[in-house]
Amino acid sequence: MRIVSAALVAAVLAISPASAQMMGGHMMKKSLYERLGGIDAIRAVVDDFIGNVAADKRINAFFAHADIDRLKHNLVDQLCQGTGGPCTYTGRSMKEAHAGMGIRNRDFNALVADLGKSLKKFKVPKRETHELVAILAPMRKDIVTR
């Protein structure tokens, strides 16, 4: 399940500025973590996303020997940290995690589509969806090798 981890890390590392909210006459930025609904919402999306990937014959072979519980934990931490939440991601770099896997652009694109399905299912607003999905692109260079 290493490719999932990479895509989500990419998503969280390049997040655009959070929306502004008025509080007590001062502008306060609400983090993407808060706008997504916090840790419970992130866990729900990750669980659904992993299910989508497992059912996706285009890419599920990449995850045949993955430790799914560890993968889910790492993905939740990556999203939580990257979106401004209180978690800390301690997993490997995306380049290291995906070395030698032979991941192609079409594999990466399938993963992004699977994430999009989960975000749509949970009715994540377009703005937040775009922030997450659009920022996957910078990780492509560390994940796609052929």
N, C-alpha and C. Protein backbone atom coordinates (compact mmCIF):
# COMPACT_ATOMS: atom_id res chain seq x y z
N MET A 1 0.82 -1.19 0.00
CA MET A 1 0.00 0.00 0.00
C MET A 1 0.87 1.26 0.00
N ARG A 2 2.08 1.12 -0.38
CA ARG A 2 3.02 2.24 -0.34
C ARG A 2 2.61 3.38 -1.25
N ILE A 3 2.03 3.12 -2.39
CA ILE A 3 1.66 4.19 -3.31
C ILE A 3 0.60 5.08 -2.69
N VAL A 4 -0.29 4.52 -1.93
CA VAL A 4 -1.32 5.32 -1.28
C VAL A 4 -0.67 6.33 -0.36
N SER A 5 0.26 5.86 0.41
CA SER A 5 0.96 6.71 1.35
C SER A 5 1.62 7.88 0.63
N ALA A 6 2.27 7.60 -0.47
CA ALA A 6 2.96 8.63 -1.22
C ALA A 6 2.00 9.68 -1.73
N ALA A 7 0.92 9.25 -2.31
CA ALA A 7 -0.02 10.19 -2.87
C ALA A 7 -0.59 11.09 -1.80
N LEU A 8 -0.91 10.56 -0.67
CA LEU A 8 -1.48 11.37 0.38
C LEU A 8 -0.46 12.32 0.99
N VAL A 9 0.76 11.86 1.12
CA VAL A 9 1.79 12.76 1.63
C VAL A 9 1.94 13.92 0.66
N ALA A 10 1.96 13.61 -0.62
CA ALA A 10 2.07 14.67 -1.61
C ALA A 10 0.93 15.64 -1.44
N ALA A 11 -0.24 15.11 -1.22
CA ALA A 11 -1.41 15.95 -1.08
C ALA A 11 -1.28 16.89 0.10
N VAL A 12 -0.76 16.40 1.18
CA VAL A 12 -0.74 17.22 2.38
C VAL A 12 0.44 18.17 2.43
N LEU A 13 1.49 17.91 1.71
CA LEU A 13 2.67 18.76 1.78
C LEU A 13 2.52 20.06 1.00
N ALA A 14 1.64 20.09 0.04
CA ALA A 14 1.52 21.25 -0.82
C ALA A 14 0.20 21.99 -0.66
N ILE A 15 -0.41 21.89 0.46
CA ILE A 15 -1.72 22.49 0.70
C ILE A 15 -1.67 24.01 0.58
N SER A 16 -2.67 24.57 -0.10
CA SER A 16 -2.76 26.01 -0.26
C SER A 16 -3.24 26.64 1.04
N PRO A 17 -3.13 27.95 1.16
CA PRO A 17 -3.54 28.62 2.40
C PRO A 17 -4.99 28.31 2.79
N ALA A 18 -5.20 28.19 4.06
CA ALA A 18 -6.54 27.89 4.58
C ALA A 18 -7.47 29.08 4.42
N SER A 19 -8.76 28.80 4.50
CA SER A 19 -9.72 29.89 4.39
C SER A 19 -9.70 30.76 5.64
N ALA A 20 -10.04 31.99 5.47
CA ALA A 20 -10.03 32.93 6.60
C ALA A 20 -11.39 32.94 7.27
N GLN A 21 -11.39 33.19 8.56
CA GLN A 21 -12.63 33.22 9.33
C GLN A 21 -12.53 34.39 10.32
N MET A 22 -13.62 35.15 10.46
CA MET A 22 -13.61 36.27 11.40
C MET A 22 -13.87 35.75 12.81
N MET A 23 -13.01 36.17 13.74
CA MET A 23 -13.21 35.81 15.14
C MET A 23 -12.78 36.99 15.99
N GLY A 24 -13.68 37.52 16.77
CA GLY A 24 -13.37 38.62 17.66
C GLY A 24 -12.78 39.83 16.95
N GLY A 25 -13.20 40.07 15.71
CA GLY A 25 -12.70 41.22 14.98
C GLY A 25 -11.34 41.00 14.32
N HIS A 26 -10.75 39.85 14.50
CA HIS A 26 -9.45 39.54 13.91
C HIS A 26 -9.61 38.40 12.90
N MET A 27 -8.78 38.44 11.88
CA MET A 27 -8.82 37.37 10.89
C MET A 27 -8.02 36.18 11.44
N MET A 28 -8.67 35.03 11.50
CA MET A 28 -8.01 33.80 11.94
C MET A 28 -8.12 32.81 10.79
N LYS A 29 -7.04 32.13 10.48
CA LYS A 29 -7.10 31.13 9.43
C LYS A 29 -7.53 29.80 10.01
N LYS A 30 -8.52 29.22 9.37
CA LYS A 30 -9.00 27.91 9.77
C LYS A 30 -8.22 26.88 8.95
N SER A 31 -7.58 25.95 9.61
CA SER A 31 -6.75 24.97 8.90
C SER A 31 -7.60 24.04 8.04
N LEU A 32 -6.97 23.45 7.07
CA LEU A 32 -7.66 22.47 6.25
C LEU A 32 -8.09 21.29 7.13
N TYR A 33 -7.29 20.94 8.10
CA TYR A 33 -7.63 19.89 9.06
C TYR A 33 -8.99 20.18 9.70
N GLU A 34 -9.17 21.40 10.16
CA GLU A 34 -10.44 21.80 10.78
C GLU A 34 -11.57 21.80 9.76
N ARG A 35 -11.29 22.32 8.56
CA ARG A 35 -12.33 22.38 7.53
C ARG A 35 -12.76 20.99 7.06
N LEU A 36 -11.85 20.03 7.15
CA LEU A 36 -12.19 18.66 6.75
C LEU A 36 -12.98 17.92 7.83
N GLY A 37 -12.93 18.41 9.05
CA GLY A 37 -13.68 17.77 10.13
C GLY A 37 -12.81 17.06 11.16
N GLY A 38 -11.50 17.26 11.10
CA GLY A 38 -10.62 16.69 12.11
C GLY A 38 -10.27 15.22 11.89
N ILE A 39 -9.74 14.62 12.94
CA ILE A 39 -9.18 13.27 12.86
C ILE A 39 -10.22 12.21 12.49
N ASP A 40 -11.41 12.31 13.02
CA ASP A 40 -12.43 11.30 12.71
C ASP A 40 -12.80 11.32 11.23
N ALA A 41 -12.92 12.50 10.66
CA ALA A 41 -13.23 12.62 9.24
C ALA A 41 -12.08 12.08 8.39
N ILE A 42 -10.85 12.38 8.78
CA ILE A 42 -9.69 11.89 8.03
C ILE A 42 -9.64 10.36 8.10
N ARG A 43 -9.88 9.79 9.26
CA ARG A 43 -9.89 8.32 9.39
C ARG A 43 -10.96 7.69 8.49
N ALA A 44 -12.13 8.30 8.45
CA ALA A 44 -13.21 7.76 7.62
C ALA A 44 -12.84 7.79 6.14
N VAL A 45 -12.25 8.88 5.69
CA VAL A 45 -11.84 8.99 4.29
C VAL A 45 -10.74 7.98 3.98
N VAL A 46 -9.77 7.86 4.86
CA VAL A 46 -8.67 6.90 4.64
C VAL A 46 -9.21 5.47 4.57
N ASP A 47 -10.09 5.10 5.47
CA ASP A 47 -10.66 3.75 5.44
C ASP A 47 -11.37 3.48 4.11
N ASP A 48 -12.16 4.43 3.67
CA ASP A 48 -12.88 4.26 2.41
C ASP A 48 -11.91 4.22 1.23
N PHE A 49 -10.94 5.10 1.25
CA PHE A 49 -9.92 5.18 0.20
C PHE A 49 -9.17 3.85 0.06
N ILE A 50 -8.76 3.27 1.18
CA ILE A 50 -8.06 1.99 1.15
C ILE A 50 -8.95 0.92 0.53
N GLY A 51 -10.24 0.96 0.84
CA GLY A 51 -11.18 0.04 0.22
C GLY A 51 -11.27 0.22 -1.28
N ASN A 52 -11.29 1.47 -1.72
CA ASN A 52 -11.32 1.75 -3.16
C ASN A 52 -10.08 1.20 -3.85
N VAL A 53 -8.93 1.42 -3.25
CA VAL A 53 -7.67 0.95 -3.83
C VAL A 53 -7.65 -0.59 -3.87
N ALA A 54 -8.08 -1.21 -2.79
CA ALA A 54 -8.10 -2.67 -2.74
C ALA A 54 -8.98 -3.27 -3.83
N ALA A 55 -10.04 -2.58 -4.19
CA ALA A 55 -10.96 -3.06 -5.22
C ALA A 55 -10.54 -2.66 -6.64
N ASP A 56 -9.54 -1.82 -6.75
CA ASP A 56 -9.11 -1.27 -8.04
C ASP A 56 -8.08 -2.20 -8.69
N LYS A 57 -8.52 -2.97 -9.66
CA LYS A 57 -7.65 -3.95 -10.32
C LYS A 57 -6.48 -3.30 -11.06
N ARG A 58 -6.58 -2.01 -11.34
CA ARG A 58 -5.48 -1.32 -12.02
C ARG A 58 -4.26 -1.20 -11.12
N ILE A 59 -4.48 -1.09 -9.80
CA ILE A 59 -3.35 -0.80 -8.90
C ILE A 59 -3.27 -1.68 -7.65
N ASN A 60 -4.26 -2.51 -7.40
CA ASN A 60 -4.25 -3.23 -6.13
C ASN A 60 -3.09 -4.21 -5.97
N ALA A 61 -2.47 -4.64 -7.05
CA ALA A 61 -1.32 -5.54 -6.94
C ALA A 61 -0.14 -4.88 -6.22
N PHE A 62 -0.05 -3.55 -6.29
CA PHE A 62 1.03 -2.85 -5.59
C PHE A 62 0.90 -3.02 -4.06
N PHE A 63 -0.28 -3.37 -3.61
CA PHE A 63 -0.55 -3.43 -2.18
C PHE A 63 -0.76 -4.85 -1.65
N ALA A 64 -0.46 -5.83 -2.48
CA ALA A 64 -0.71 -7.23 -2.13
C ALA A 64 -0.01 -7.67 -0.85
N HIS A 65 1.14 -7.11 -0.56
CA HIS A 65 1.90 -7.53 0.62
C HIS A 65 2.02 -6.43 1.67
N ALA A 66 1.17 -5.45 1.57
CA ALA A 66 1.24 -4.31 2.50
C ALA A 66 0.62 -4.66 3.85
N ASP A 67 1.14 -4.04 4.88
CA ASP A 67 0.56 -4.11 6.21
C ASP A 67 -0.52 -3.02 6.25
N ILE A 68 -1.76 -3.42 6.05
CA ILE A 68 -2.85 -2.46 5.89
C ILE A 68 -3.06 -1.59 7.13
N ASP A 69 -2.97 -2.18 8.30
CA ASP A 69 -3.15 -1.39 9.52
C ASP A 69 -2.07 -0.31 9.63
N ARG A 70 -0.82 -0.68 9.35
CA ARG A 70 0.27 0.30 9.39
C ARG A 70 0.06 1.38 8.33
N LEU A 71 -0.35 0.95 7.14
CA LEU A 71 -0.60 1.89 6.06
C LEU A 71 -1.67 2.90 6.45
N LYS A 72 -2.78 2.43 6.99
CA LYS A 72 -3.85 3.33 7.40
C LYS A 72 -3.36 4.32 8.46
N HIS A 73 -2.62 3.80 9.43
CA HIS A 73 -2.09 4.67 10.48
C HIS A 73 -1.19 5.76 9.89
N ASN A 74 -0.29 5.36 8.99
CA ASN A 74 0.61 6.34 8.37
C ASN A 74 -0.15 7.35 7.52
N LEU A 75 -1.14 6.89 6.78
CA LEU A 75 -1.92 7.81 5.94
C LEU A 75 -2.68 8.82 6.79
N VAL A 76 -3.27 8.35 7.87
CA VAL A 76 -3.99 9.26 8.77
C VAL A 76 -3.02 10.29 9.33
N ASP A 77 -1.86 9.84 9.79
CA ASP A 77 -0.86 10.78 10.33
C ASP A 77 -0.40 11.78 9.28
N GLN A 78 -0.17 11.30 8.06
CA GLN A 78 0.26 12.20 6.99
C GLN A 78 -0.78 13.26 6.69
N LEU A 79 -2.02 12.85 6.56
CA LEU A 79 -3.08 13.81 6.27
C LEU A 79 -3.30 14.76 7.44
N CYS A 80 -3.30 14.22 8.63
CA CYS A 80 -3.49 15.03 9.82
C CYS A 80 -2.40 16.10 9.92
N GLN A 81 -1.16 15.69 9.84
CA GLN A 81 -0.05 16.64 9.93
C GLN A 81 -0.07 17.63 8.78
N GLY A 82 -0.23 17.12 7.57
CA GLY A 82 -0.18 17.97 6.39
C GLY A 82 -1.30 18.98 6.28
N THR A 83 -2.41 18.70 6.91
CA THR A 83 -3.55 19.62 6.84
C THR A 83 -3.61 20.56 8.03
N GLY A 84 -2.59 20.47 8.90
CA GLY A 84 -2.53 21.40 10.03
C GLY A 84 -3.00 20.82 11.34
N GLY A 85 -3.20 19.51 11.40
CA GLY A 85 -3.64 18.86 12.63
C GLY A 85 -2.48 18.55 13.57
N PRO A 86 -2.80 17.93 14.71
CA PRO A 86 -1.81 17.70 15.76
C PRO A 86 -0.94 16.45 15.59
N CYS A 87 -1.09 15.70 14.51
CA CYS A 87 -0.35 14.45 14.34
C CYS A 87 1.05 14.70 13.76
N THR A 88 1.89 13.66 13.89
CA THR A 88 3.24 13.70 13.33
C THR A 88 3.45 12.45 12.49
N TYR A 89 3.78 12.65 11.22
CA TYR A 89 4.08 11.53 10.33
C TYR A 89 5.52 11.10 10.56
N THR A 90 5.74 9.81 10.81
CA THR A 90 7.08 9.30 11.09
C THR A 90 7.51 8.23 10.08
N GLY A 91 6.76 8.06 9.01
CA GLY A 91 7.09 7.06 8.00
C GLY A 91 8.23 7.49 7.09
N ARG A 92 8.54 6.62 6.15
CA ARG A 92 9.63 6.87 5.20
C ARG A 92 9.26 7.96 4.20
N SER A 93 10.29 8.48 3.54
CA SER A 93 10.06 9.45 2.47
C SER A 93 9.35 8.74 1.32
N MET A 94 8.68 9.50 0.49
CA MET A 94 7.96 8.91 -0.62
C MET A 94 8.92 8.26 -1.62
N LYS A 95 10.05 8.88 -1.83
CA LYS A 95 11.04 8.32 -2.75
C LYS A 95 11.52 6.96 -2.24
N GLU A 96 11.84 6.89 -0.98
CA GLU A 96 12.31 5.63 -0.37
C GLU A 96 11.20 4.57 -0.37
N ALA A 97 10.00 4.97 0.00
CA ALA A 97 8.89 4.02 0.10
C ALA A 97 8.50 3.41 -1.24
N HIS A 98 8.75 4.11 -2.33
CA HIS A 98 8.31 3.65 -3.64
C HIS A 98 9.43 3.18 -4.55
N ALA A 99 10.65 3.19 -4.05
CA ALA A 99 11.80 2.78 -4.85
C ALA A 99 11.61 1.34 -5.35
N GLY A 100 11.88 1.14 -6.62
CA GLY A 100 11.84 -0.19 -7.20
C GLY A 100 10.45 -0.75 -7.48
N MET A 101 9.43 0.03 -7.28
CA MET A 101 8.06 -0.47 -7.48
C MET A 101 7.60 -0.39 -8.93
N GLY A 102 8.26 0.41 -9.74
CA GLY A 102 7.88 0.52 -11.15
C GLY A 102 6.54 1.19 -11.36
N ILE A 103 6.26 2.19 -10.60
CA ILE A 103 4.98 2.89 -10.69
C ILE A 103 4.97 3.82 -11.90
N ARG A 104 3.88 3.73 -12.66
CA ARG A 104 3.71 4.54 -13.88
C ARG A 104 2.74 5.69 -13.61
N ASN A 105 2.73 6.65 -14.54
CA ASN A 105 1.79 7.77 -14.42
C ASN A 105 0.35 7.27 -14.32
N ARG A 106 -0.01 6.29 -15.10
CA ARG A 106 -1.40 5.80 -15.06
C ARG A 106 -1.73 5.17 -13.71
N ASP A 107 -0.75 4.57 -13.04
CA ASP A 107 -0.98 4.01 -11.70
C ASP A 107 -1.24 5.14 -10.70
N PHE A 108 -0.43 6.16 -10.78
CA PHE A 108 -0.59 7.32 -9.91
C PHE A 108 -1.96 7.97 -10.13
N ASN A 109 -2.34 8.12 -11.40
CA ASN A 109 -3.62 8.72 -11.73
C ASN A 109 -4.79 7.88 -11.21
N ALA A 110 -4.66 6.56 -11.25
CA ALA A 110 -5.71 5.68 -10.72
C ALA A 110 -5.87 5.89 -9.21
N LEU A 111 -4.74 6.04 -8.53
CA LEU A 111 -4.78 6.27 -7.09
C LEU A 111 -5.49 7.59 -6.77
N VAL A 112 -5.14 8.62 -7.51
CA VAL A 112 -5.78 9.92 -7.30
C VAL A 112 -7.29 9.82 -7.55
N ALA A 113 -7.68 9.07 -8.57
CA ALA A 113 -9.11 8.88 -8.85
C ALA A 113 -9.80 8.15 -7.69
N ASP A 114 -9.12 7.17 -7.11
CA ASP A 114 -9.70 6.45 -5.97
C ASP A 114 -9.87 7.37 -4.76
N LEU A 115 -8.92 8.26 -4.56
CA LEU A 115 -9.06 9.25 -3.49
C LEU A 115 -10.23 10.18 -3.77
N GLY A 116 -10.35 10.60 -5.02
CA GLY A 116 -11.46 11.47 -5.40
C GLY A 116 -12.82 10.84 -5.13
N LYS A 117 -12.94 9.54 -5.36
CA LYS A 117 -14.20 8.83 -5.07
C LYS A 117 -14.54 8.93 -3.58
N SER A 118 -13.53 8.75 -2.74
CA SER A 118 -13.79 8.82 -1.29
C SER A 118 -14.16 10.22 -0.86
N LEU A 119 -13.47 11.21 -1.40
CA LEU A 119 -13.78 12.60 -1.04
C LEU A 119 -15.20 12.95 -1.47
N LYS A 120 -15.60 12.47 -2.64
CA LYS A 120 -16.96 12.73 -3.14
C LYS A 120 -18.00 12.02 -2.25
N LYS A 121 -17.72 10.78 -1.89
CA LYS A 121 -18.63 10.01 -1.05
C LYS A 121 -18.92 10.73 0.27
N PHE A 122 -17.87 11.34 0.85
CA PHE A 122 -18.02 12.03 2.12
C PHE A 122 -18.39 13.51 1.95
N LYS A 123 -18.73 13.88 0.72
CA LYS A 123 -19.20 15.23 0.42
C LYS A 123 -18.22 16.31 0.87
N VAL A 124 -16.94 16.04 0.66
CA VAL A 124 -15.93 17.06 0.94
C VAL A 124 -16.14 18.17 -0.08
N PRO A 125 -16.25 19.41 0.38
CA PRO A 125 -16.50 20.52 -0.54
C PRO A 125 -15.43 20.62 -1.63
N LYS A 126 -15.83 21.19 -2.75
CA LYS A 126 -14.93 21.30 -3.91
C LYS A 126 -13.60 21.97 -3.57
N ARG A 127 -13.67 23.04 -2.82
CA ARG A 127 -12.44 23.76 -2.49
C ARG A 127 -11.44 22.86 -1.76
N GLU A 128 -11.89 22.16 -0.74
CA GLU A 128 -11.02 21.29 0.02
C GLU A 128 -10.56 20.10 -0.81
N THR A 129 -11.46 19.57 -1.63
CA THR A 129 -11.09 18.49 -2.54
C THR A 129 -9.98 18.93 -3.47
N HIS A 130 -10.14 20.11 -4.03
CA HIS A 130 -9.13 20.63 -4.95
C HIS A 130 -7.79 20.84 -4.24
N GLU A 131 -7.84 21.32 -3.01
CA GLU A 131 -6.60 21.52 -2.26
C GLU A 131 -5.87 20.19 -2.05
N LEU A 132 -6.62 19.16 -1.71
CA LEU A 132 -6.00 17.85 -1.49
C LEU A 132 -5.51 17.22 -2.78
N VAL A 133 -6.37 17.16 -3.77
CA VAL A 133 -6.04 16.47 -5.01
C VAL A 133 -5.00 17.23 -5.83
N ALA A 134 -5.14 18.53 -5.92
CA ALA A 134 -4.21 19.32 -6.72
C ALA A 134 -2.78 19.24 -6.20
N ILE A 135 -2.63 19.05 -4.93
CA ILE A 135 -1.28 19.02 -4.37
C ILE A 135 -0.61 17.65 -4.46
N LEU A 136 -1.27 16.69 -5.03
CA LEU A 136 -0.64 15.39 -5.26
C LEU A 136 0.44 15.48 -6.34
N ALA A 137 0.28 16.38 -7.24
CA ALA A 137 1.20 16.50 -8.38
C ALA A 137 2.67 16.59 -7.99
N PRO A 138 3.06 17.38 -6.98
CA PRO A 138 4.48 17.47 -6.65
C PRO A 138 5.10 16.14 -6.22
N MET A 139 4.34 15.23 -5.71
CA MET A 139 4.89 13.94 -5.27
C MET A 139 5.10 12.98 -6.42
N ARG A 140 4.46 13.25 -7.52
CA ARG A 140 4.56 12.36 -8.68
C ARG A 140 6.02 12.05 -8.99
N LYS A 141 6.89 13.06 -8.92
CA LYS A 141 8.30 12.86 -9.27
C LYS A 141 9.02 11.89 -8.34
N ASP A 142 8.55 11.73 -7.12
CA ASP A 142 9.17 10.80 -6.17
C ASP A 142 8.53 9.42 -6.20
N ILE A 143 7.39 9.30 -6.86
CA ILE A 143 6.64 8.04 -6.88
C ILE A 143 6.71 7.35 -8.23
N VAL A 144 6.50 8.10 -9.29
CA VAL A 144 6.49 7.53 -10.64
C VAL A 144 7.93 7.36 -11.12
N THR A 145 8.23 6.12 -11.53
CA THR A 145 9.59 5.83 -11.97
C THR A 145 9.69 5.31 -13.40
N ARG A 146 8.57 5.06 -14.02
CA ARG A 146 8.63 4.59 -15.41
C ARG A 146 7.46 5.06 -16.22
